Amino acid sequence: MIRRRRLVFGTLAPLLLVFLYFGISYANYMLKPTSETFTERSAEWVRDDVPFGNWIIDTAEHYTASTPRKGGPGLTRLPSVGLSAARPLAKDTKRSSYTPPPIKPVFAKPLPGEGVWHRAGPSVGGGPPVLVTTYRPSTEYPPSSPTSCGSTTPAPTSPTIPGRYEPPSAVDRGPMMVPVDQRNRLLATFNGGFTHVDTITARQSTGTPTSR
């Protein structure tokens, strides 16, 4: 009888510890302030803290998410981003050491301005610090919304405002907003983005240094 109890305890104890660990992890994750729904937040917890979490969520979404229909009429024009194309980017970047190449359109007949970079504001240090462009990412879904993206140039910029939880090693973040006394220096901001660990993985895979 004693041997059986020890066997049962030896089997259940590790399971209880694992359950307790993930229970505490889930509770801490869900109690943090967020604008995500309960389902969205739970899925992000699985991605971040559960082994093979990305694979689990990707597989679940593959079988449950509604996939948009392929084909259909395409867009006839792209939304306007950045400053007017009538003010050529080349005139603003004579002293800039780097300008990203245009994004190559995936459609045989690109729309006007597709993948072409435009400056998003006044020049700083001889060049525009932030560039933006818009393009259609997939030929399978022509009616889908175009993708907008941005790029920073070697003008004197300083990405110092952290996210609510990222990077995880950041010091005191203060209020979850750009401080009022710093807004006159603000060039661009965005909601979302890659997590810190995904950024490190991407840089390592491309050979880009992981620190500045």
C-alpha atoms as a PDB file:
ATOM      1  CA  MET A   1       0.000   0.000   0.000  1.00  0.00           C
ATOM      2  CA  ILE A   2       2.791   2.447   0.922  1.00  0.00           C
ATOM      3  CA  ARG A   3       4.641   1.625  -2.289  1.00  0.00           C
ATOM      4  CA  ARG A   4       1.484   2.271  -4.291  1.00  0.00           C
ATOM      5  CA  ARG A   5       0.968   5.649  -2.590  1.00  0.00           C
ATOM      6  CA  ARG A   6       4.547   6.628  -3.329  1.00  0.00           C
ATOM      7  CA  LEU A   7       4.077   5.600  -6.947  1.00  0.00           C
ATOM      8  CA  VAL A   8       0.891   7.657  -7.252  1.00  0.00           C
ATOM      9  CA  PHE A   9       2.482  10.656  -5.538  1.00  0.00           C
ATOM     10  CA  GLY A  10       5.597  10.375  -7.699  1.00  0.00           C
ATOM     11  CA  THR A  11       3.388  10.386 -10.784  1.00  0.00           C
ATOM     12  CA  LEU A  12       0.999  13.169  -9.764  1.00  0.00           C
ATOM     13  CA  ALA A  13       3.481  15.534  -8.099  1.00  0.00           C
ATOM     14  CA  PRO A  14       5.260  16.553 -11.363  1.00  0.00           C
ATOM     15  CA  LEU A  15       1.883  17.030 -13.078  1.00  0.00           C
ATOM     16  CA  LEU A  16       0.655  19.221 -10.220  1.00  0.00           C
ATOM     17  CA  LEU A  17       3.836  21.312 -10.354  1.00  0.00           C
ATOM     18  CA  VAL A  18       3.454  21.794 -14.104  1.00  0.00           C
ATOM     19  CA  PHE A  19      -0.219  22.710 -13.664  1.00  0.00           C
ATOM     20  CA  LEU A  20       0.664  25.153 -10.890  1.00  0.00           C
ATOM     21  CA  TYR A  21       3.436  26.759 -12.966  1.00  0.00           C
ATOM     22  CA  PHE A  22       1.228  27.337 -15.992  1.00  0.00           C
ATOM     23  CA  GLY A  23      -1.697  28.417 -13.801  1.00  0.00           C
ATOM     24  CA  ILE A  24       0.394  31.150 -12.169  1.00  0.00           C
ATOM     25  CA  SER A  25       1.891  32.147 -15.533  1.00  0.00           C
ATOM     26  CA  TYR A  26      -1.558  32.419 -17.114  1.00  0.00           C
ATOM     27  CA  ALA A  27      -2.985  34.404 -14.209  1.00  0.00           C
ATOM     28  CA  ASN A  28      -0.093  36.898 -14.237  1.00  0.00           C
ATOM     29  CA  TYR A  29      -0.369  37.280 -18.006  1.00  0.00           C
ATOM     30  CA  MET A  30      -4.130  37.851 -17.989  1.00  0.00           C
ATOM     31  CA  LEU A  31      -4.086  40.332 -15.098  1.00  0.00           C
ATOM     32  CA  LYS A  32      -1.838  42.769 -16.934  1.00  0.00           C
ATOM     33  CA  PRO A  33      -3.686  45.786 -18.398  1.00  0.00           C
ATOM     34  CA  THR A  34      -4.465  45.329 -22.069  1.00  0.00           C
ATOM     35  CA  SER A  35      -6.894  46.352 -24.798  1.00  0.00           C
ATOM     36  CA  GLU A  36      -7.068  42.796 -26.187  1.00  0.00           C
ATOM     37  CA  THR A  37     -10.087  40.565 -25.738  1.00  0.00           C
ATOM     38  CA  PHE A  38      -9.985  37.556 -23.411  1.00  0.00           C
ATOM     39  CA  THR A  39      -9.581  35.185 -26.368  1.00  0.00           C
ATOM     40  CA  GLU A  40      -6.854  37.272 -28.001  1.00  0.00           C
ATOM     41  CA  ARG A  41      -4.956  37.597 -24.743  1.00  0.00           C
ATOM     42  CA  SER A  42      -5.202  33.863 -24.065  1.00  0.00           C
ATOM     43  CA  ALA A  43      -3.849  33.093 -27.519  1.00  0.00           C
ATOM     44  CA  GLU A  44      -0.921  35.460 -26.961  1.00  0.00           C
ATOM     45  CA  TRP A  45      -0.162  33.720 -23.661  1.00  0.00           C
ATOM     46  CA  VAL A  46      -0.010  30.395 -25.453  1.00  0.00           C
ATOM     47  CA  ARG A  47       2.362  31.865 -28.034  1.00  0.00           C
ATOM     48  CA  ASP A  48       4.627  33.430 -25.416  1.00  0.00           C
ATOM     49  CA  ASP A  49       4.710  30.927 -22.548  1.00  0.00           C
ATOM     50  CA  VAL A  50       3.635  27.492 -23.783  1.00  0.00           C
ATOM     51  CA  PRO A  51       6.169  25.195 -25.500  1.00  0.00           C
ATOM     52  CA  PHE A  52       5.417  25.045 -29.246  1.00  0.00           C
ATOM     53  CA  GLY A  53       2.866  27.792 -28.614  1.00  0.00           C
ATOM     54  CA  ASN A  54       3.225  29.401 -32.041  1.00  0.00           C
ATOM     55  CA  TRP A  55       2.652  26.055 -33.752  1.00  0.00           C
ATOM     56  CA  ILE A  56      -0.390  25.348 -31.560  1.00  0.00           C
ATOM     57  CA  ILE A  57      -2.063  28.685 -32.306  1.00  0.00           C
ATOM     58  CA  ASP A  58      -1.136  28.633 -36.003  1.00  0.00           C
ATOM     59  CA  THR A  59      -2.631  25.151 -36.351  1.00  0.00           C
ATOM     60  CA  ALA A  60      -5.788  26.151 -34.491  1.00  0.00           C
ATOM     61  CA  GLU A  61      -6.226  29.271 -36.614  1.00  0.00           C
ATOM     62  CA  HIS A  62      -5.697  27.240 -39.767  1.00  0.00           C
ATOM     63  CA  TYR A  63      -8.753  25.109 -38.981  1.00  0.00           C
ATOM     64  CA  THR A  64     -10.976  27.713 -37.318  1.00  0.00           C
ATOM     65  CA  ALA A  65     -10.256  31.105 -38.898  1.00  0.00           C
ATOM     66  CA  SER A  66     -12.337  32.334 -41.819  1.00  0.00           C
ATOM     67  CA  THR A  67     -10.150  32.614 -44.904  1.00  0.00           C
ATOM     68  CA  PRO A  68     -10.984  35.432 -47.345  1.00  0.00           C
ATOM     69  CA  ARG A  69     -12.044  34.417 -50.809  1.00  0.00           C
ATOM     70  CA  LYS A  70      -9.374  34.385 -53.460  1.00  0.00           C
ATOM     71  CA  GLY A  71      -9.630  36.309 -56.690  1.00  0.00           C
ATOM     72  CA  GLY A  72     -12.126  39.042 -57.423  1.00  0.00           C
ATOM     73  CA  PRO A  73     -11.702  42.594 -58.689  1.00  0.00           C
ATOM     74  CA  GLY A  74      -8.532  44.332 -57.639  1.00  0.00           C
ATOM     75  CA  LEU A  75      -7.902  47.818 -56.351  1.00  0.00           C
ATOM     76  CA  THR A  76      -7.798  50.673 -58.830  1.00  0.00           C
ATOM     77  CA  ARG A  77      -5.791  53.055 -56.649  1.00  0.00           C
ATOM     78  CA  LEU A  78      -3.725  53.026 -53.478  1.00  0.00           C
ATOM     79  CA  PRO A  79      -4.279  55.248 -50.460  1.00  0.00           C
ATOM     80  CA  SER A  80      -2.009  58.252 -50.287  1.00  0.00           C
ATOM     81  CA  VAL A  81       0.761  57.990 -47.692  1.00  0.00           C
ATOM     82  CA  GLY A  82       3.518  60.415 -46.777  1.00  0.00           C
ATOM     83  CA  LEU A  83       3.976  63.766 -48.436  1.00  0.00           C
ATOM     84  CA  SER A  84       3.025  64.431 -52.021  1.00  0.00           C
ATOM     85  CA  ALA A  85       4.970  62.559 -54.681  1.00  0.00           C
ATOM     86  CA  ALA A  86       5.212  65.874 -56.488  1.00  0.00           C
ATOM     87  CA  ARG A  87       8.091  66.658 -54.123  1.00  0.00           C
ATOM     88  CA  PRO A  88      10.674  64.075 -55.221  1.00  0.00           C
ATOM     89  CA  LEU A  89      12.450  62.134 -52.517  1.00  0.00           C
ATOM     90  CA  ALA A  90      15.819  62.565 -54.232  1.00  0.00           C
ATOM     91  CA  LYS A  91      15.824  66.299 -53.518  1.00  0.00           C
ATOM     92  CA  ASP A  92      15.518  65.607 -49.811  1.00  0.00           C
ATOM     93  CA  THR A  93      18.170  62.911 -49.604  1.00  0.00           C
ATOM     94  CA  LYS A  94      21.239  64.389 -51.307  1.00  0.00           C
ATOM     95  CA  ARG A  95      23.126  64.229 -48.018  1.00  0.00           C
ATOM     96  CA  SER A  96      21.464  61.039 -46.788  1.00  0.00           C
ATOM     97  CA  SER A  97      23.717  57.961 -46.814  1.00  0.00           C
ATOM     98  CA  TYR A  98      20.911  55.487 -47.366  1.00  0.00           C
ATOM     99  CA  THR A  99      17.578  55.291 -49.132  1.00  0.00           C
ATOM    100  CA  PRO A 100      15.771  51.927 -49.254  1.00  0.00           C
ATOM    101  CA  PRO A 101      15.139  50.598 -52.757  1.00  0.00           C
ATOM    102  CA  PRO A 102      11.526  50.598 -53.961  1.00  0.00           C
ATOM    103  CA  ILE A 103       9.512  47.531 -52.983  1.00  0.00           C
ATOM    104  CA  LYS A 104       9.112  45.359 -56.073  1.00  0.00           C
ATOM    105  CA  PRO A 105       5.391  44.945 -56.832  1.00  0.00           C
ATOM    106  CA  VAL A 106       4.071  41.395 -57.015  1.00  0.00           C
ATOM    107  CA  PHE A 107       1.460  42.370 -59.610  1.00  0.00           C
ATOM    108  CA  ALA A 108       2.386  42.481 -63.284  1.00  0.00           C
ATOM    109  CA  LYS A 109       0.724  45.896 -63.595  1.00  0.00           C
ATOM    110  CA  PRO A 110       1.566  47.936 -60.487  1.00  0.00           C
ATOM    111  CA  LEU A 111      -0.604  50.842 -59.475  1.00  0.00           C
ATOM    112  CA  PRO A 112       0.816  54.376 -59.563  1.00  0.00           C
ATOM    113  CA  GLY A 113       3.197  54.901 -56.656  1.00  0.00           C
ATOM    114  CA  GLU A 114       3.134  51.272 -55.526  1.00  0.00           C
ATOM    115  CA  GLY A 115       6.227  50.445 -53.491  1.00  0.00           C
ATOM    116  CA  VAL A 116       7.683  53.947 -53.952  1.00  0.00           C
ATOM    117  CA  TRP A 117       9.021  55.589 -50.800  1.00  0.00           C
ATOM    118  CA  HIS A 118       7.873  59.058 -49.741  1.00  0.00           C
ATOM    119  CA  ARG A 119       9.082  61.106 -46.845  1.00  0.00           C
ATOM    120  CA  ALA A 120       6.641  61.379 -43.956  1.00  0.00           C
ATOM    121  CA  GLY A 121       7.717  64.752 -42.653  1.00  0.00           C
ATOM    122  CA  PRO A 122      10.304  67.537 -42.772  1.00  0.00           C
ATOM    123  CA  SER A 123      13.968  66.755 -43.260  1.00  0.00           C
ATOM    124  CA  VAL A 124      16.251  66.307 -40.267  1.00  0.00           C
ATOM    125  CA  GLY A 125      20.024  66.422 -40.619  1.00  0.00           C
ATOM    126  CA  GLY A 126      19.824  66.681 -44.396  1.00  0.00           C
ATOM    127  CA  GLY A 127      17.376  63.852 -45.011  1.00  0.00           C
ATOM    128  CA  PRO A 128      13.904  62.601 -44.104  1.00  0.00           C
ATOM    129  CA  PRO A 129      14.118  60.497 -40.933  1.00  0.00           C
ATOM    130  CA  VAL A 130      10.980  58.471 -41.725  1.00  0.00           C
ATOM    131  CA  LEU A 131       9.895  57.105 -45.100  1.00  0.00           C
ATOM    132  CA  VAL A 132       6.587  55.392 -45.926  1.00  0.00           C
ATOM    133  CA  THR A 133       5.158  53.447 -48.836  1.00  0.00           C
ATOM    134  CA  THR A 134       2.152  51.305 -49.751  1.00  0.00           C
ATOM    135  CA  TYR A 135       1.921  48.135 -51.822  1.00  0.00           C
ATOM    136  CA  ARG A 136      -0.317  45.107 -52.411  1.00  0.00           C
ATOM    137  CA  PRO A 137       1.263  42.029 -50.820  1.00  0.00           C
ATOM    138  CA  SER A 138      -0.583  39.161 -52.539  1.00  0.00           C
ATOM    139  CA  THR A 139      -1.889  38.373 -56.011  1.00  0.00           C
ATOM    140  CA  GLU A 140      -4.239  35.749 -54.555  1.00  0.00           C
ATOM    141  CA  TYR A 141      -6.355  38.345 -52.774  1.00  0.00           C
ATOM    142  CA  PRO A 142      -6.597  41.395 -55.091  1.00  0.00           C
ATOM    143  CA  PRO A 143      -9.445  43.080 -53.162  1.00  0.00           C
ATOM    144  CA  SER A 144      -7.573  42.914 -49.862  1.00  0.00           C
ATOM    145  CA  SER A 145      -6.311  46.031 -48.153  1.00  0.00           C
ATOM    146  CA  PRO A 146      -2.862  47.207 -49.221  1.00  0.00           C
ATOM    147  CA  THR A 147       0.001  47.082 -46.778  1.00  0.00           C
ATOM    148  CA  SER A 148       1.683  50.251 -45.561  1.00  0.00           C
ATOM    149  CA  CYS A 149       5.175  50.163 -44.122  1.00  0.00           C
ATOM    150  CA  GLY A 150       7.796  52.587 -42.930  1.00  0.00           C
ATOM    151  CA  SER A 151      11.555  52.848 -42.757  1.00  0.00           C
ATOM    152  CA  THR A 152      13.885  55.002 -40.699  1.00  0.00           C
ATOM    153  CA  THR A 153      16.967  56.559 -42.249  1.00  0.00           C
ATOM    154  CA  PRO A 154      20.332  57.485 -40.693  1.00  0.00           C
ATOM    155  CA  ALA A 155      19.087  60.931 -39.757  1.00  0.00           C
ATOM    156  CA  PRO A 156      19.523  61.698 -36.040  1.00  0.00           C
ATOM    157  CA  THR A 157      16.648  59.576 -34.720  1.00  0.00           C
ATOM    158  CA  SER A 158      16.421  57.798 -31.384  1.00  0.00           C
ATOM    159  CA  PRO A 159      13.839  55.006 -30.851  1.00  0.00           C
ATOM    160  CA  THR A 160      13.639  55.281 -27.074  1.00  0.00           C
ATOM    161  CA  ILE A 161       9.946  54.832 -26.256  1.00  0.00           C
ATOM    162  CA  PRO A 162       9.254  51.192 -25.253  1.00  0.00           C
ATOM    163  CA  GLY A 163       6.011  49.317 -25.553  1.00  0.00           C
ATOM    164  CA  ARG A 164       3.727  48.415 -22.686  1.00  0.00           C
ATOM    165  CA  TYR A 165       5.481  45.075 -22.108  1.00  0.00           C
ATOM    166  CA  GLU A 166       8.263  45.043 -24.679  1.00  0.00           C
ATOM    167  CA  PRO A 167      11.198  44.909 -24.464  1.00  0.00           C
ATOM    168  CA  PRO A 168      10.914  42.869 -21.239  1.00  0.00           C
ATOM    169  CA  SER A 169      14.191  44.202 -19.801  1.00  0.00           C
ATOM    170  CA  ALA A 170      13.266  47.895 -20.103  1.00  0.00           C
ATOM    171  CA  VAL A 171      13.551  50.127 -17.036  1.00  0.00           C
ATOM    172  CA  ASP A 172      10.644  52.068 -15.568  1.00  0.00           C
ATOM    173  CA  ARG A 173       8.362  52.847 -18.509  1.00  0.00           C
ATOM    174  CA  GLY A 174       6.324  55.600 -16.942  1.00  0.00           C
ATOM    175  CA  PRO A 175       2.848  56.319 -18.349  1.00  0.00           C
ATOM    176  CA  MET A 176       1.762  54.335 -21.405  1.00  0.00           C
ATOM    177  CA  MET A 177       1.947  57.420 -23.594  1.00  0.00           C
ATOM    178  CA  VAL A 178       4.549  59.681 -25.125  1.00  0.00           C
ATOM    179  CA  PRO A 179       5.508  62.229 -22.425  1.00  0.00           C
ATOM    180  CA  VAL A 180       4.116  65.675 -23.162  1.00  0.00           C
ATOM    181  CA  ASP A 181       7.535  67.348 -22.909  1.00  0.00           C
ATOM    182  CA  GLN A 182       8.916  64.924 -25.524  1.00  0.00           C
ATOM    183  CA  ARG A 183       6.200  65.212 -28.147  1.00  0.00           C
ATOM    184  CA  ASN A 184       7.898  68.050 -29.991  1.00  0.00           C
ATOM    185  CA  ARG A 185      10.667  65.544 -30.848  1.00  0.00           C
ATOM    186  CA  LEU A 186       8.304  62.740 -31.939  1.00  0.00           C
ATOM    187  CA  LEU A 187       8.746  61.602 -35.523  1.00  0.00           C
ATOM    188  CA  ALA A 188       6.612  58.459 -35.679  1.00  0.00           C
ATOM    189  CA  THR A 189       4.831  55.944 -33.516  1.00  0.00           C
ATOM    190  CA  PHE A 190       2.904  52.751 -34.151  1.00  0.00           C
ATOM    191  CA  ASN A 191       0.737  50.216 -32.384  1.00  0.00           C
ATOM    192  CA  GLY A 192       1.899  46.600 -32.262  1.00  0.00           C
ATOM    193  CA  GLY A 193       5.015  45.145 -33.834  1.00  0.00           C
ATOM    194  CA  PHE A 194       7.319  42.232 -33.188  1.00  0.00           C
ATOM    195  CA  THR A 195       8.149  41.017 -29.706  1.00  0.00           C
ATOM    196  CA  HIS A 196      11.672  41.448 -28.407  1.00  0.00           C
ATOM    197  CA  VAL A 197      12.552  37.750 -28.727  1.00  0.00           C
ATOM    198  CA  ASP A 198      11.296  37.637 -32.340  1.00  0.00           C
ATOM    199  CA  THR A 199      13.421  40.677 -33.178  1.00  0.00           C
ATOM    200  CA  ILE A 200      16.525  38.954 -31.795  1.00  0.00           C
ATOM    201  CA  THR A 201      15.738  35.792 -33.757  1.00  0.00           C
ATOM    202  CA  ALA A 202      15.269  37.755 -36.981  1.00  0.00           C
ATOM    203  CA  ARG A 203      18.553  39.620 -36.525  1.00  0.00           C
ATOM    204  CA  GLN A 204      20.453  36.429 -35.790  1.00  0.00           C
ATOM    205  CA  SER A 205      19.033  34.720 -38.870  1.00  0.00           C
ATOM    206  CA  THR A 206      20.103  37.632 -41.079  1.00  0.00           C
ATOM    207  CA  GLY A 207      23.447  38.232 -39.418  1.00  0.00           C
ATOM    208  CA  THR A 208      22.406  41.653 -38.148  1.00  0.00           C
ATOM    209  CA  PRO A 209      23.908  42.679 -34.777  1.00  0.00           C
ATOM    210  CA  THR A 210      21.431  42.275 -31.917  1.00  0.00           C
ATOM    211  CA  SER A 211      22.579  45.365 -30.015  1.00  0.00           C
ATOM    212  CA  ARG A 212      23.353  49.001 -30.766  1.00  0.00           C
END
